[in-house]
Amino acid sequence: MKRLAALVPVLAAAAMAVPLSLATPAAAHAPCGTTASDKDSSSWGKRADGANQRSGSSTSCTVKGIAYSTHALDYHCYTVGNDGYTWTYLGNDATGVTGWVRDDLLSDGGSYVSCGF
């Protein structure tokens, strides 16, 4: 009986560790030049107020355009940048430019659909 009692804490610890090892990996940084398909089917009308649209999910990537509050934006998906922030790949309906915008610069926090990379 003592052996069984000694095993209970070990088994409980092992059971708690299993879900952690089965967790799915987080989304990865989109290097400069990365595009993404439109996986987010939410409606247009998202806004930004002078946010740079970049060629990747980093402030070191080239600025391709600027999204203003008068522009309608079409979210495609999001990823996590090396800076720890989430970034949304989007199309700017007013300019036709696609690019990455950091989610804290978007009116509603960006896309909720992962790009999957």
C-alpha atoms as a PDB file:
ATOM      1  CA  MET A   1       0.000   0.000   0.000  1.00  0.00           C
ATOM      2  CA  LYS A   2       2.906   2.351   0.726  1.00  0.00           C
ATOM      3  CA  ARG A   3       4.255   1.796  -2.773  1.00  0.00           C
ATOM      4  CA  LEU A   4       0.940   2.835  -4.302  1.00  0.00           C
ATOM      5  CA  ALA A   5       0.804   5.924  -2.081  1.00  0.00           C
ATOM      6  CA  ALA A   6       4.326   6.848  -3.173  1.00  0.00           C
ATOM      7  CA  LEU A   7       3.394   6.507  -6.864  1.00  0.00           C
ATOM      8  CA  VAL A   8       0.347   8.797  -6.725  1.00  0.00           C
ATOM      9  CA  PRO A   9       2.340  12.088  -6.635  1.00  0.00           C
ATOM     10  CA  VAL A  10       4.618  10.847  -9.434  1.00  0.00           C
ATOM     11  CA  LEU A  11       1.668   9.849 -11.627  1.00  0.00           C
ATOM     12  CA  ALA A  12      -0.108  13.140 -10.920  1.00  0.00           C
ATOM     13  CA  ALA A  13       2.990  15.109 -11.939  1.00  0.00           C
ATOM     14  CA  ALA A  14       3.349  13.071 -15.127  1.00  0.00           C
ATOM     15  CA  ALA A  15      -0.328  13.588 -16.005  1.00  0.00           C
ATOM     16  CA  MET A  16       0.025  17.339 -15.560  1.00  0.00           C
ATOM     17  CA  ALA A  17       3.109  17.455 -17.797  1.00  0.00           C
ATOM     18  CA  VAL A  18       1.498  15.653 -20.749  1.00  0.00           C
ATOM     19  CA  PRO A  19      -0.799  18.503 -21.881  1.00  0.00           C
ATOM     20  CA  LEU A  20       2.143  20.898 -21.881  1.00  0.00           C
ATOM     21  CA  SER A  21       4.104  18.697 -24.249  1.00  0.00           C
ATOM     22  CA  LEU A  22       1.119  18.358 -26.588  1.00  0.00           C
ATOM     23  CA  ALA A  23       0.532  22.097 -26.963  1.00  0.00           C
ATOM     24  CA  THR A  24       0.620  23.423 -30.507  1.00  0.00           C
ATOM     25  CA  PRO A  25       3.531  25.694 -31.405  1.00  0.00           C
ATOM     26  CA  ALA A  26       2.941  29.443 -31.527  1.00  0.00           C
ATOM     27  CA  ALA A  27       2.771  31.269 -34.817  1.00  0.00           C
ATOM     28  CA  ALA A  28       6.149  32.358 -36.162  1.00  0.00           C
ATOM     29  CA  HIS A  29       7.622  35.616 -37.417  1.00  0.00           C
ATOM     30  CA  ALA A  30       6.963  36.569 -41.054  1.00  0.00           C
ATOM     31  CA  PRO A  31      10.338  37.537 -42.576  1.00  0.00           C
ATOM     32  CA  CYS A  32      10.493  40.579 -44.857  1.00  0.00           C
ATOM     33  CA  GLY A  33       8.884  39.755 -48.209  1.00  0.00           C
ATOM     34  CA  THR A  34       6.399  37.244 -46.751  1.00  0.00           C
ATOM     35  CA  THR A  35       2.805  37.295 -47.992  1.00  0.00           C
ATOM     36  CA  ALA A  36      -0.176  35.348 -46.676  1.00  0.00           C
ATOM     37  CA  SER A  37      -3.421  34.065 -48.128  1.00  0.00           C
ATOM     38  CA  ASP A  38      -6.777  35.482 -47.050  1.00  0.00           C
ATOM     39  CA  LYS A  39      -7.895  33.078 -44.311  1.00  0.00           C
ATOM     40  CA  ASP A  40      -9.978  35.607 -42.358  1.00  0.00           C
ATOM     41  CA  SER A  41     -13.526  35.817 -43.716  1.00  0.00           C
ATOM     42  CA  SER A  42     -14.638  38.619 -41.389  1.00  0.00           C
ATOM     43  CA  SER A  43     -16.191  41.676 -42.996  1.00  0.00           C
ATOM     44  CA  TRP A  44     -14.197  44.660 -44.193  1.00  0.00           C
ATOM     45  CA  GLY A  45     -14.282  48.048 -42.537  1.00  0.00           C
ATOM     46  CA  LYS A  46     -11.381  47.639 -40.122  1.00  0.00           C
ATOM     47  CA  ARG A  47      -9.388  50.804 -39.455  1.00  0.00           C
ATOM     48  CA  ALA A  48      -5.910  52.093 -38.606  1.00  0.00           C
ATOM     49  CA  ASP A  49      -4.769  55.648 -38.004  1.00  0.00           C
ATOM     50  CA  GLY A  50      -1.579  56.174 -39.973  1.00  0.00           C
ATOM     51  CA  ALA A  51      -0.133  52.676 -39.515  1.00  0.00           C
ATOM     52  CA  ASN A  52       2.733  51.497 -41.704  1.00  0.00           C
ATOM     53  CA  GLN A  53       2.023  48.450 -43.875  1.00  0.00           C
ATOM     54  CA  ARG A  54       5.287  46.512 -43.982  1.00  0.00           C
ATOM     55  CA  SER A  55       6.725  43.683 -46.075  1.00  0.00           C
ATOM     56  CA  GLY A  56       7.084  41.457 -42.970  1.00  0.00           C
ATOM     57  CA  SER A  57       6.202  41.347 -39.280  1.00  0.00           C
ATOM     58  CA  SER A  58       9.052  43.573 -38.127  1.00  0.00           C
ATOM     59  CA  THR A  59       9.698  47.298 -37.965  1.00  0.00           C
ATOM     60  CA  SER A  60      12.945  46.602 -39.834  1.00  0.00           C
ATOM     61  CA  CYS A  61      10.975  45.501 -42.928  1.00  0.00           C
ATOM     62  CA  THR A  62      10.257  47.931 -45.770  1.00  0.00           C
ATOM     63  CA  VAL A  63       7.177  50.147 -45.544  1.00  0.00           C
ATOM     64  CA  LYS A  64       4.923  49.345 -48.524  1.00  0.00           C
ATOM     65  CA  GLY A  65       2.159  51.816 -47.693  1.00  0.00           C
ATOM     66  CA  ILE A  66       0.252  53.555 -44.922  1.00  0.00           C
ATOM     67  CA  ALA A  67      -3.224  52.656 -43.655  1.00  0.00           C
ATOM     68  CA  TYR A  68      -5.284  55.674 -42.571  1.00  0.00           C
ATOM     69  CA  SER A  69      -8.545  55.890 -40.641  1.00  0.00           C
ATOM     70  CA  THR A  70     -10.467  56.606 -43.871  1.00  0.00           C
ATOM     71  CA  HIS A  71      -9.237  53.353 -45.481  1.00  0.00           C
ATOM     72  CA  ALA A  72     -11.175  50.081 -45.322  1.00  0.00           C
ATOM     73  CA  LEU A  73      -8.886  47.158 -44.486  1.00  0.00           C
ATOM     74  CA  ASP A  74      -9.347  43.472 -45.307  1.00  0.00           C
ATOM     75  CA  TYR A  75      -7.654  41.228 -42.737  1.00  0.00           C
ATOM     76  CA  HIS A  76      -6.077  38.032 -44.076  1.00  0.00           C
ATOM     77  CA  CYS A  77      -4.486  36.462 -40.934  1.00  0.00           C
ATOM     78  CA  TYR A  78      -2.036  37.143 -38.105  1.00  0.00           C
ATOM     79  CA  THR A  79       1.322  35.916 -36.836  1.00  0.00           C
ATOM     80  CA  VAL A  80       3.639  36.732 -33.949  1.00  0.00           C
ATOM     81  CA  GLY A  81       6.647  38.894 -34.694  1.00  0.00           C
ATOM     82  CA  ASN A  82      10.087  38.512 -33.157  1.00  0.00           C
ATOM     83  CA  ASP A  83       9.182  41.563 -31.046  1.00  0.00           C
ATOM     84  CA  GLY A  84       6.476  39.526 -29.264  1.00  0.00           C
ATOM     85  CA  TYR A  85       3.604  41.541 -30.774  1.00  0.00           C
ATOM     86  CA  THR A  86       0.994  40.053 -33.079  1.00  0.00           C
ATOM     87  CA  TRP A  87       0.895  41.351 -36.644  1.00  0.00           C
ATOM     88  CA  THR A  88      -1.948  41.150 -39.176  1.00  0.00           C
ATOM     89  CA  TYR A  89      -1.422  40.705 -42.902  1.00  0.00           C
ATOM     90  CA  LEU A  90      -4.056  42.824 -44.608  1.00  0.00           C
ATOM     91  CA  GLY A  91      -5.153  44.411 -47.831  1.00  0.00           C
ATOM     92  CA  ASN A  92      -5.847  48.137 -47.959  1.00  0.00           C
ATOM     93  CA  ASP A  93      -9.030  48.564 -50.016  1.00  0.00           C
ATOM     94  CA  ALA A  94      -8.327  52.248 -50.684  1.00  0.00           C
ATOM     95  CA  THR A  95      -4.805  51.793 -52.060  1.00  0.00           C
ATOM     96  CA  GLY A  96      -4.644  48.145 -53.146  1.00  0.00           C
ATOM     97  CA  VAL A  97      -1.489  47.643 -51.042  1.00  0.00           C
ATOM     98  CA  THR A  98      -1.074  44.480 -48.951  1.00  0.00           C
ATOM     99  CA  GLY A  99       1.244  44.303 -45.966  1.00  0.00           C
ATOM    100  CA  TRP A 100       1.824  43.575 -42.289  1.00  0.00           C
ATOM    101  CA  VAL A 101       0.555  45.926 -39.561  1.00  0.00           C
ATOM    102  CA  ARG A 102       1.227  45.506 -35.861  1.00  0.00           C
ATOM    103  CA  ASP A 103      -2.084  44.680 -34.183  1.00  0.00           C
ATOM    104  CA  ASP A 104      -1.913  47.347 -31.485  1.00  0.00           C
ATOM    105  CA  LEU A 105      -2.141  49.907 -34.322  1.00  0.00           C
ATOM    106  CA  LEU A 106      -5.438  48.499 -35.623  1.00  0.00           C
ATOM    107  CA  SER A 107      -8.811  49.712 -34.337  1.00  0.00           C
ATOM    108  CA  ASP A 108      -9.974  46.298 -33.156  1.00  0.00           C
ATOM    109  CA  GLY A 109      -6.670  44.537 -32.417  1.00  0.00           C
ATOM    110  CA  GLY A 110      -6.287  42.777 -35.782  1.00  0.00           C
ATOM    111  CA  SER A 111      -7.221  39.386 -37.179  1.00  0.00           C
ATOM    112  CA  TYR A 112      -8.094  36.434 -34.944  1.00  0.00           C
ATOM    113  CA  VAL A 113      -7.207  33.869 -37.630  1.00  0.00           C
ATOM    114  CA  SER A 114      -3.662  32.503 -37.533  1.00  0.00           C
ATOM    115  CA  CYS A 115      -1.624  32.438 -40.728  1.00  0.00           C
ATOM    116  CA  GLY A 116      -0.360  29.007 -39.673  1.00  0.00           C
ATOM    117  CA  PHE A 117       3.365  29.678 -39.842  1.00  0.00           C
END
